[in-house]
Amino acid sequence: MPLSIGRERQANIYLRGLSGKKPGIPTHPGLLEQRAEKCMSRAAWAYVQGGAGSEITQQANREAFTRVKLIPRVMHPVDVRDLSVDLLGKHYSYPLLMAPLGALDLIHPQADLTLAQAAKQTNIGMIFSNQSAVPMESCAQAMGDTPHWFQLYWSSNDQVVSSLLHRAEACGCEAIVLTVDTTLLGWRPRDLNLGHLPFLRGYGLAQYLSDPAFRKSLNDNSAHLSGVTKNWKTLLLAARLIRKGRTYQLSLADMRRAIAQFIATYSRPDLQWNDISRLRSATRLPIWIKGIRRGEDARKAEQLGIDGIIVSNHGGRQVDGERAALDDLMEVVQAVNRLPILFDSGIRSGADVAKALAVGASACLIGRPIAYALAVGGLKGVCELIQNIVAELDLTLALCGCRNVQELRQLGYVYTPPSSY
């Protein structure tokens, strides 16, 4: 690993600037977001950027980072730094993984494969989305030995759950990430105002369309979509579904049944803690729970033998007006004794990662910025984004007088509680 990742990244950008070449994607998070909006369709932007309700939680996620202040120390040797971390006995070069991002074929038809290639090139882990644009096997092949996990939404069809777990094990996934905060879709006005749910249009269904158990269920499926008025838009949708179906050797009728079956079975609102033992018996892989926000839930997960916790409020997409995820992280860190804790929701930069690590996260997931970079620059854009985040994290570490993540956690920080939500 280079002794100064941050300085090398800076030097590369500045030296290219002598020839009039600017970075492929903006290095400022706000400018990247603005550029991404221009590169996406209205429907894609609504889905990627939208939050629940009036988006108060999404705003709170970002504001929380302004209330955590690092306290740098000086005259401490930082000429050699190490950004690596160990998670459940596995070594990771950086405390970063790509978060599971659903329906990214709204942006790019081979989105998840592109992200897998970027993860391999930049040597960070990736969590395959349950709502992927590309089957997990193709992404795993592109990842090689680079760590990859699989996100699971617990379907009401147990045969499909079992099949997805088996496939995740077979393609080399190192962990299962059970997402528990989305047993129902939150109220998302940006999507509702457009009348646009990606899954009804065949987006984000690759794991299902390629799954033998799910495909078998189509033979005796009684689910169907009602209330659809036929017009020229539904004809265009039919044409799109025909093209999508060819990839999986499914007819238009099959695709319509698949969408109806997905909508009917994709989640389980009756999911409860005693289901964890069933999941444990169904897979040999470590299990992380994503969507923990309360200390008492974290303690319950620890008591049940969960391997790790991911503190997340789904990027503010589920409950409008809940507490910021970074505030949740502080409570969860205090609640558990031994579990590794990952953090997700609101991270936009390497400095944000440093703050989450200082608070107590073992590593962080990068979500929306990945989608922004994919829209703006494709594979190269995603690679540049990761390089920028790693570089800023490295420089922040050094400028705070820390040589590794452990020293950053010991550094200390100032926290200003929110006055209200």
Protein backbone atom coordinates (compact mmCIF):
# COMPACT_ATOMS: atom_id res chain seq x y z
CA MET A 1 0.00 0.00 0.00
CA PRO A 2 1.36 3.47 -0.83
CA LEU A 3 2.69 5.40 2.15
CA SER A 4 0.58 8.44 1.28
CA ILE A 5 -2.52 7.62 -0.73
CA GLY A 6 -3.90 11.11 -0.26
CA ARG A 7 -0.79 12.91 -1.48
CA GLU A 8 -0.48 10.63 -4.50
CA ARG A 9 -4.10 11.28 -5.47
CA GLN A 10 -3.63 15.03 -5.06
CA ALA A 11 -0.42 14.98 -7.09
CA ASN A 12 -2.07 13.02 -9.88
CA ILE A 13 -4.89 15.55 -10.16
CA TYR A 14 -2.64 18.60 -9.99
CA LEU A 15 -0.08 17.25 -12.47
CA ARG A 16 -2.83 16.42 -14.97
CA GLY A 17 -4.04 19.95 -14.46
CA LEU A 18 -0.82 21.25 -15.99
CA SER A 19 -2.04 19.77 -19.29
CA GLY A 20 -5.47 21.31 -18.84
CA LYS A 21 -7.10 18.09 -17.69
CA LYS A 22 -9.63 18.25 -14.87
CA PRO A 23 -10.96 15.38 -12.73
CA GLY A 24 -13.52 13.22 -14.50
CA ILE A 25 -16.01 13.75 -11.69
CA PRO A 26 -16.28 16.74 -9.31
CA THR A 27 -14.30 16.26 -6.10
CA HIS A 28 -16.82 18.32 -4.10
CA PRO A 29 -19.79 16.18 -2.98
CA GLY A 30 -22.35 18.91 -3.68
CA LEU A 31 -21.10 19.51 -7.21
CA LEU A 32 -21.09 15.78 -7.91
CA GLU A 33 -24.71 15.59 -6.80
CA GLN A 34 -25.67 18.50 -9.07
CA ARG A 35 -23.90 16.94 -12.05
CA ALA A 36 -25.56 13.59 -11.40
CA GLU A 37 -29.04 15.07 -11.49
CA LYS A 38 -28.34 16.41 -14.99
CA CYS A 39 -27.19 12.96 -16.11
CA MET A 40 -30.23 11.03 -14.87
CA SER A 41 -33.81 10.79 -16.06
CA ARG A 42 -36.48 12.34 -13.84
CA ALA A 43 -37.57 8.89 -12.69
CA ALA A 44 -34.02 7.74 -11.92
CA TRP A 45 -33.24 10.92 -9.98
CA ALA A 46 -36.47 10.64 -7.99
CA TYR A 47 -35.68 7.07 -6.99
CA VAL A 48 -32.00 7.62 -6.16
CA GLN A 49 -32.34 10.98 -4.43
CA GLY A 50 -35.77 10.68 -2.86
CA GLY A 51 -36.41 10.17 0.82
CA ALA A 52 -39.43 9.44 2.94
CA GLY A 53 -42.13 12.08 3.32
CA SER A 54 -40.80 15.62 3.53
CA GLU A 55 -37.26 14.19 3.66
CA ILE A 56 -36.58 15.49 7.17
CA THR A 57 -34.63 12.34 8.04
CA GLN A 58 -32.46 12.64 4.96
CA GLN A 59 -31.67 16.23 5.95
CA ALA A 60 -30.98 15.16 9.55
CA ASN A 61 -28.49 12.55 8.33
CA ARG A 62 -26.39 15.23 6.72
CA GLU A 63 -26.78 17.80 9.50
CA ALA A 64 -25.55 15.26 12.05
CA PHE A 65 -22.10 15.33 10.45
CA THR A 66 -21.88 19.09 11.05
CA ARG A 67 -22.48 18.47 14.77
CA VAL A 68 -19.53 16.10 15.15
CA LYS A 69 -16.20 17.93 15.28
CA LEU A 70 -12.83 16.22 15.17
CA ILE A 71 -10.04 17.47 17.48
CA PRO A 72 -6.71 17.19 15.62
CA ARG A 73 -3.44 16.74 17.47
CA VAL A 74 -0.11 17.99 16.10
CA MET A 75 3.56 17.02 16.20
CA HIS A 76 2.65 13.35 16.08
CA PRO A 77 4.53 11.26 13.46
CA VAL A 78 2.17 10.30 10.64
CA ASP A 79 4.63 9.64 7.83
CA VAL A 80 3.43 6.02 7.56
CA ARG A 81 -0.31 5.31 7.75
CA ASP A 82 -2.46 2.22 7.57
CA LEU A 83 -6.13 2.48 6.57
CA SER A 84 -6.83 -1.24 6.81
CA VAL A 85 -9.33 -2.88 9.14
CA ASP A 86 -10.27 -6.44 10.09
CA LEU A 87 -13.92 -7.50 10.01
CA LEU A 88 -14.83 -10.92 11.39
CA GLY A 89 -11.32 -12.18 10.79
CA LYS A 90 -11.12 -10.87 7.22
CA HIS A 91 -8.65 -8.17 6.19
CA TYR A 92 -9.87 -5.11 4.28
CA SER A 93 -7.48 -2.58 2.80
CA TYR A 94 -9.83 0.31 3.59
CA PRO A 95 -12.72 0.78 6.04
CA LEU A 96 -15.14 1.06 3.13
CA LEU A 97 -17.66 -1.10 1.31
CA MET A 98 -20.14 -0.28 -1.42
CA ALA A 99 -23.62 -0.25 0.05
CA PRO A 100 -26.31 -2.37 -1.64
CA LEU A 101 -28.07 -0.08 -4.11
CA GLY A 102 -31.26 -1.26 -5.77
CA ALA A 103 -32.65 -0.67 -9.25
CA LEU A 104 -29.51 1.01 -10.58
CA ASP A 105 -30.44 -0.18 -14.07
CA LEU A 106 -32.44 3.05 -14.04
CA ILE A 107 -29.00 4.62 -14.55
CA HIS A 108 -26.99 1.97 -16.36
CA PRO A 109 -28.20 -1.37 -17.81
CA GLN A 110 -25.21 -3.27 -16.36
CA ALA A 111 -24.93 -1.13 -13.25
CA ASP A 112 -24.05 -3.75 -10.64
CA LEU A 113 -21.49 -5.41 -12.88
CA THR A 114 -19.87 -2.02 -13.41
CA LEU A 115 -19.79 -1.43 -9.66
CA ALA A 116 -18.25 -4.87 -9.13
CA GLN A 117 -15.52 -4.02 -11.61
CA ALA A 118 -14.91 -0.69 -9.87
CA ALA A 119 -14.75 -2.38 -6.46
CA LYS A 120 -12.13 -4.79 -7.73
CA GLN A 121 -10.08 -2.03 -9.34
CA THR A 122 -10.11 0.09 -6.18
CA ASN A 123 -9.85 -2.87 -3.79
CA ILE A 124 -12.90 -2.18 -1.65
CA GLY A 125 -15.63 -4.60 -0.66
CA MET A 126 -19.11 -4.64 -2.19
CA ILE A 127 -22.48 -5.74 -0.87
CA PHE A 128 -24.51 -7.19 -3.73
CA SER A 129 -28.01 -5.76 -3.79
CA ASN A 130 -31.05 -8.01 -3.48
CA GLN A 131 -32.59 -5.65 -6.08
CA SER A 132 -29.73 -5.88 -8.55
CA ALA A 133 -29.64 -5.18 -12.27
CA VAL A 134 -27.27 -8.12 -12.80
CA PRO A 135 -27.30 -11.59 -11.18
CA MET A 136 -24.92 -12.04 -8.28
CA GLU A 137 -22.92 -14.73 -10.07
CA SER A 138 -21.81 -12.33 -12.81
CA CYS A 139 -20.81 -9.72 -10.26
CA ALA A 140 -18.93 -12.28 -8.16
CA GLN A 141 -16.97 -13.41 -11.21
CA ALA A 142 -15.94 -9.81 -11.84
CA MET A 143 -14.93 -9.36 -8.20
CA GLY A 144 -12.54 -12.31 -8.05
CA ASP A 145 -10.95 -12.41 -4.59
CA THR A 146 -12.18 -8.93 -3.68
CA PRO A 147 -14.57 -9.26 -0.71
CA HIS A 148 -18.26 -9.41 -1.60
CA TRP A 149 -21.34 -9.91 0.55
CA PHE A 150 -25.01 -10.42 -0.28
CA GLN A 151 -27.91 -8.30 0.95
CA LEU A 152 -31.09 -10.25 1.72
CA TYR A 153 -34.63 -8.93 1.80
CA TRP A 154 -36.51 -11.75 3.51
CA SER A 155 -39.19 -12.75 1.01
CA SER A 156 -42.45 -14.36 2.13
CA ASN A 157 -41.47 -17.20 -0.22
CA ASP A 158 -39.10 -19.32 1.90
CA GLN A 159 -37.99 -21.36 -1.12
CA VAL A 160 -36.72 -18.19 -2.79
CA VAL A 161 -34.89 -17.14 0.38
CA SER A 162 -33.22 -20.55 0.61
CA SER A 163 -32.24 -20.42 -3.04
CA LEU A 164 -30.75 -16.91 -2.76
CA LEU A 165 -28.71 -17.96 0.27
CA HIS A 166 -27.42 -21.04 -1.53
CA ARG A 167 -26.43 -18.95 -4.55
CA ALA A 168 -24.66 -16.41 -2.33
CA GLU A 169 -22.59 -19.16 -0.74
CA ALA A 170 -21.84 -20.77 -4.09
CA CYS A 171 -20.53 -17.55 -5.66
CA GLY A 172 -18.16 -16.78 -2.81
CA CYS A 173 -20.03 -14.19 -0.76
CA GLU A 174 -18.40 -13.76 2.62
CA ALA A 175 -21.47 -12.63 4.57
CA ILE A 176 -25.23 -12.20 4.47
CA VAL A 177 -26.64 -8.74 5.17
CA LEU A 178 -30.22 -9.08 6.37
CA THR A 179 -31.96 -5.74 5.81
CA VAL A 180 -34.68 -5.32 8.43
CA ASP A 181 -35.82 -1.71 7.96
CA THR A 182 -37.69 -2.27 4.69
CA THR A 183 -40.32 -4.87 5.41
CA LEU A 184 -42.61 -2.30 3.78
CA LEU A 185 -41.75 0.54 1.42
CA GLY A 186 -41.67 3.96 3.03
CA TRP A 187 -43.87 6.81 1.76
CA ARG A 188 -41.69 8.34 -0.97
CA PRO A 189 -43.35 11.36 -2.59
CA ARG A 190 -40.82 11.84 -5.38
CA ASP A 191 -41.63 8.39 -6.77
CA LEU A 192 -45.33 8.70 -5.96
CA ASN A 193 -45.64 12.03 -7.76
CA LEU A 194 -44.32 10.39 -10.92
CA GLY A 195 -46.35 7.21 -10.37
CA HIS A 196 -43.06 5.37 -10.87
CA LEU A 197 -42.01 2.26 -8.94
CA PRO A 198 -38.99 0.74 -10.73
CA PHE A 199 -39.84 -2.87 -9.93
CA LEU A 200 -43.23 -2.64 -11.66
CA ARG A 201 -41.29 -1.80 -14.80
CA GLY A 202 -38.84 -4.67 -14.48
CA TYR A 203 -35.93 -2.76 -12.94
CA GLY A 204 -33.88 -4.28 -10.13
CA LEU A 205 -35.21 -7.83 -10.54
CA ALA A 206 -32.13 -9.70 -11.80
CA GLN A 207 -31.69 -11.82 -8.67
CA TYR A 208 -35.29 -13.02 -8.99
CA LEU A 209 -35.48 -13.49 -12.75
CA SER A 210 -32.33 -15.62 -12.59
CA ASP A 211 -33.40 -17.62 -9.53
CA PRO A 212 -34.65 -21.19 -10.10
CA ALA A 213 -37.00 -21.17 -7.10
CA PHE A 214 -38.56 -17.88 -8.10
CA ARG A 215 -38.92 -18.96 -11.73
CA LYS A 216 -40.56 -22.21 -10.60
CA SER A 217 -43.10 -20.23 -8.60
CA LEU A 218 -44.29 -18.55 -11.80
CA ASN A 219 -45.81 -21.84 -12.99
CA ASP A 220 -48.47 -21.82 -10.30
CA ASN A 221 -48.60 -18.09 -9.68
CA SER A 222 -52.03 -16.58 -9.20
CA ALA A 223 -50.72 -13.07 -8.52
CA HIS A 224 -51.54 -10.48 -11.12
CA LEU A 225 -51.44 -6.72 -11.57
CA SER A 226 -54.82 -5.02 -11.64
CA GLY A 227 -55.93 -1.49 -12.34
CA VAL A 228 -53.58 -0.93 -15.28
CA THR A 229 -55.09 1.05 -18.15
CA LYS A 230 -53.73 0.07 -21.55
CA ASN A 231 -52.38 2.94 -23.63
CA TRP A 232 -49.25 3.83 -25.59
CA LYS A 233 -47.15 3.98 -22.42
CA THR A 234 -48.06 0.45 -21.42
CA LEU A 235 -47.21 -0.63 -24.96
CA LEU A 236 -43.75 0.91 -24.56
CA LEU A 237 -43.40 -0.87 -21.23
CA ALA A 238 -44.39 -4.16 -22.85
CA ALA A 239 -41.67 -3.69 -25.45
CA ARG A 240 -39.15 -3.07 -22.69
CA LEU A 241 -40.25 -6.15 -20.77
CA ILE A 242 -39.95 -8.25 -23.91
CA ARG A 243 -36.33 -7.12 -24.31
CA LYS A 244 -35.61 -7.75 -20.65
CA GLY A 245 -37.28 -11.16 -20.81
CA ARG A 246 -35.04 -12.31 -23.65
CA THR A 247 -32.05 -12.04 -21.29
CA TYR A 248 -33.65 -14.63 -19.01
CA GLN A 249 -35.57 -16.65 -21.64
CA LEU A 250 -38.88 -15.35 -20.29
CA SER A 251 -41.89 -14.34 -22.37
CA LEU A 252 -43.84 -11.12 -21.89
CA ALA A 253 -46.48 -13.10 -19.99
CA ASP A 254 -43.73 -14.59 -17.80
CA MET A 255 -42.33 -11.15 -17.10
CA ARG A 256 -45.72 -9.83 -16.08
CA ARG A 257 -46.21 -12.79 -13.77
CA ALA A 258 -42.72 -12.30 -12.37
CA ILE A 259 -43.40 -8.66 -11.53
CA ALA A 260 -46.71 -9.53 -9.89
CA GLN A 261 -45.08 -12.36 -7.93
CA PHE A 262 -42.26 -10.10 -6.78
CA ILE A 263 -44.66 -7.42 -5.56
CA ALA A 264 -46.69 -10.04 -3.70
CA THR A 265 -43.75 -11.75 -1.98
CA TYR A 266 -40.67 -9.50 -1.89
CA SER A 267 -40.83 -8.72 1.85
CA ARG A 268 -42.19 -9.99 5.14
CA PRO A 269 -43.88 -7.42 7.40
CA ASP A 270 -44.23 -10.17 10.04
CA LEU A 271 -40.45 -10.64 10.34
CA GLN A 272 -39.44 -11.02 13.99
CA TRP A 273 -36.42 -11.78 16.17
CA ASN A 274 -37.07 -15.50 16.46
CA ASP A 275 -36.65 -15.78 12.68
CA ILE A 276 -32.91 -15.20 13.17
CA SER A 277 -32.42 -18.79 14.28
CA ARG A 278 -34.04 -19.95 11.03
CA LEU A 279 -31.66 -17.80 9.02
CA ARG A 280 -28.70 -19.07 11.02
CA SER A 281 -29.67 -22.67 10.24
CA ALA A 282 -30.10 -21.85 6.56
CA THR A 283 -26.58 -20.51 5.90
CA ARG A 284 -23.02 -21.12 7.03
CA LEU A 285 -22.08 -17.48 6.33
CA PRO A 286 -21.74 -14.74 8.97
CA ILE A 287 -24.92 -12.67 9.37
CA TRP A 288 -25.03 -8.89 9.63
CA ILE A 289 -28.27 -7.05 10.43
CA LYS A 290 -28.70 -3.81 8.51
CA GLY A 291 -31.17 -1.24 9.79
CA ILE A 292 -30.46 -1.21 13.55
CA ARG A 293 -31.06 2.22 15.11
CA ARG A 294 -31.73 1.56 18.80
CA GLY A 295 -29.39 0.38 21.50
CA GLU A 296 -31.91 -2.16 22.79
CA ASP A 297 -32.21 -3.71 19.31
CA ALA A 298 -28.42 -3.87 19.08
CA ARG A 299 -28.25 -5.70 22.41
CA LYS A 300 -30.95 -8.11 21.26
CA ALA A 301 -29.01 -8.84 18.08
CA GLU A 302 -25.87 -9.48 20.11
CA GLN A 303 -27.72 -11.84 22.45
CA LEU A 304 -29.01 -13.81 19.45
CA GLY A 305 -25.49 -14.34 18.14
CA ILE A 306 -25.58 -11.97 15.18
CA ASP A 307 -22.07 -11.49 13.78
CA GLY A 308 -22.27 -7.76 13.08
CA ILE A 309 -24.55 -4.72 13.01
CA ILE A 310 -25.03 -2.09 10.33
CA VAL A 311 -26.45 1.12 11.74
CA SER A 312 -28.63 2.58 9.00
CA ASN A 313 -31.91 4.38 8.45
CA HIS A 314 -31.87 3.48 4.76
CA GLY A 315 -30.58 6.89 3.81
CA GLY A 316 -33.73 8.55 5.14
CA ARG A 317 -35.93 6.60 2.73
CA GLN A 318 -38.20 4.84 5.22
CA VAL A 319 -39.37 6.90 8.21
CA ASP A 320 -39.81 10.66 7.86
CA GLY A 321 -38.69 12.46 11.00
CA GLU A 322 -36.62 9.78 12.69
CA ARG A 323 -33.29 10.47 14.35
CA ALA A 324 -30.16 10.93 12.28
CA ALA A 325 -28.23 7.72 11.68
CA LEU A 326 -25.03 9.18 13.14
CA ASP A 327 -26.88 9.81 16.41
CA ASP A 328 -28.10 6.21 16.26
CA LEU A 329 -24.49 5.08 15.87
CA MET A 330 -23.51 6.77 19.13
CA GLU A 331 -26.23 4.91 21.01
CA VAL A 332 -25.48 1.55 19.41
CA VAL A 333 -21.74 1.83 20.06
CA GLN A 334 -22.49 2.28 23.75
CA ALA A 335 -24.96 -0.62 23.79
CA VAL A 336 -22.88 -3.53 22.49
CA ASN A 337 -19.80 -5.20 23.89
CA ARG A 338 -18.05 -7.05 21.09
CA LEU A 339 -19.92 -6.77 17.80
CA PRO A 340 -18.33 -4.96 14.85
CA ILE A 341 -20.50 -2.03 13.79
CA LEU A 342 -20.72 -0.67 10.28
CA PHE A 343 -22.29 2.68 9.48
CA ASP A 344 -24.51 3.70 6.58
CA SER A 345 -26.67 6.76 5.76
CA GLY A 346 -25.49 10.26 4.97
CA ILE A 347 -21.83 9.71 4.11
CA ARG A 348 -20.64 11.86 1.23
CA SER A 349 -16.87 12.23 1.74
CA GLY A 350 -13.72 10.88 3.28
CA ALA A 351 -14.08 13.39 6.12
CA ASP A 352 -17.54 11.96 6.85
CA VAL A 353 -16.01 8.48 7.01
CA ALA A 354 -13.39 9.74 9.47
CA LYS A 355 -16.10 11.15 11.74
CA ALA A 356 -18.10 7.91 11.70
CA LEU A 357 -14.95 5.93 12.51
CA ALA A 358 -14.09 8.32 15.34
CA VAL A 359 -17.57 7.84 16.80
CA GLY A 360 -17.01 4.08 16.80
CA ALA A 361 -17.87 2.51 13.47
CA SER A 362 -15.62 -0.32 12.33
CA ALA A 363 -16.13 0.65 8.67
CA CYS A 364 -18.60 2.57 6.51
CA LEU A 365 -20.86 1.91 3.54
CA ILE A 366 -20.93 4.32 0.61
CA GLY A 367 -24.38 4.66 -0.93
CA ARG A 368 -25.80 7.54 -2.96
CA PRO A 369 -22.41 8.96 -4.04
CA ILE A 370 -21.79 5.66 -5.86
CA ALA A 371 -24.98 6.19 -7.86
CA TYR A 372 -23.99 9.79 -8.59
CA ALA A 373 -20.56 8.77 -9.86
CA LEU A 374 -22.03 5.96 -11.96
CA ALA A 375 -24.39 8.40 -13.66
CA VAL A 376 -21.69 10.99 -14.30
CA GLY A 377 -18.74 8.82 -15.29
CA GLY A 378 -19.62 5.13 -15.47
CA LEU A 379 -16.86 2.74 -14.39
CA LYS A 380 -14.17 5.40 -14.44
CA GLY A 381 -16.35 7.77 -12.45
CA VAL A 382 -17.01 5.23 -9.70
CA CYS A 383 -13.30 4.41 -9.47
CA GLU A 384 -12.46 8.10 -9.19
CA LEU A 385 -15.06 8.59 -6.47
CA ILE A 386 -13.62 5.77 -4.36
CA GLN A 387 -10.08 7.06 -4.91
CA ASN A 388 -11.19 10.54 -3.82
CA ILE A 389 -12.93 9.26 -0.66
CA VAL A 390 -9.94 7.11 0.28
CA ALA A 391 -7.54 9.99 -0.40
CA GLU A 392 -9.52 12.44 1.72
CA LEU A 393 -9.82 9.88 4.51
CA ASP A 394 -6.06 9.31 4.42
CA LEU A 395 -5.30 13.04 4.56
CA THR A 396 -7.87 13.62 7.31
CA LEU A 397 -6.29 10.82 9.33
CA ALA A 398 -2.82 12.32 8.93
CA LEU A 399 -3.88 15.90 9.61
CA CYS A 400 -5.59 14.75 12.80
CA GLY A 401 -2.30 13.17 13.92
CA CYS A 402 -3.38 9.57 13.47
CA ARG A 403 -1.57 6.70 11.79
CA ASN A 404 -4.44 4.23 11.68
CA VAL A 405 -8.16 3.84 12.29
CA GLN A 406 -7.61 2.71 15.89
CA GLU A 407 -5.81 5.97 16.72
CA LEU A 408 -8.62 7.93 15.10
CA ARG A 409 -11.11 6.28 17.47
CA GLN A 410 -8.90 7.28 20.40
CA LEU A 411 -8.52 10.87 19.17
CA GLY A 412 -11.81 12.16 20.55
CA TYR A 413 -14.43 14.46 19.09
CA VAL A 414 -16.89 17.17 20.08
CA TYR A 415 -20.57 16.41 19.72
CA THR A 416 -23.36 18.98 19.76
CA PRO A 417 -26.74 17.35 20.43
CA PRO A 418 -29.57 18.39 18.10
CA SER A 419 -31.93 20.99 19.52
CA SER A 420 -34.92 19.33 17.84
CA TYR A 421 -35.96 17.05 14.97
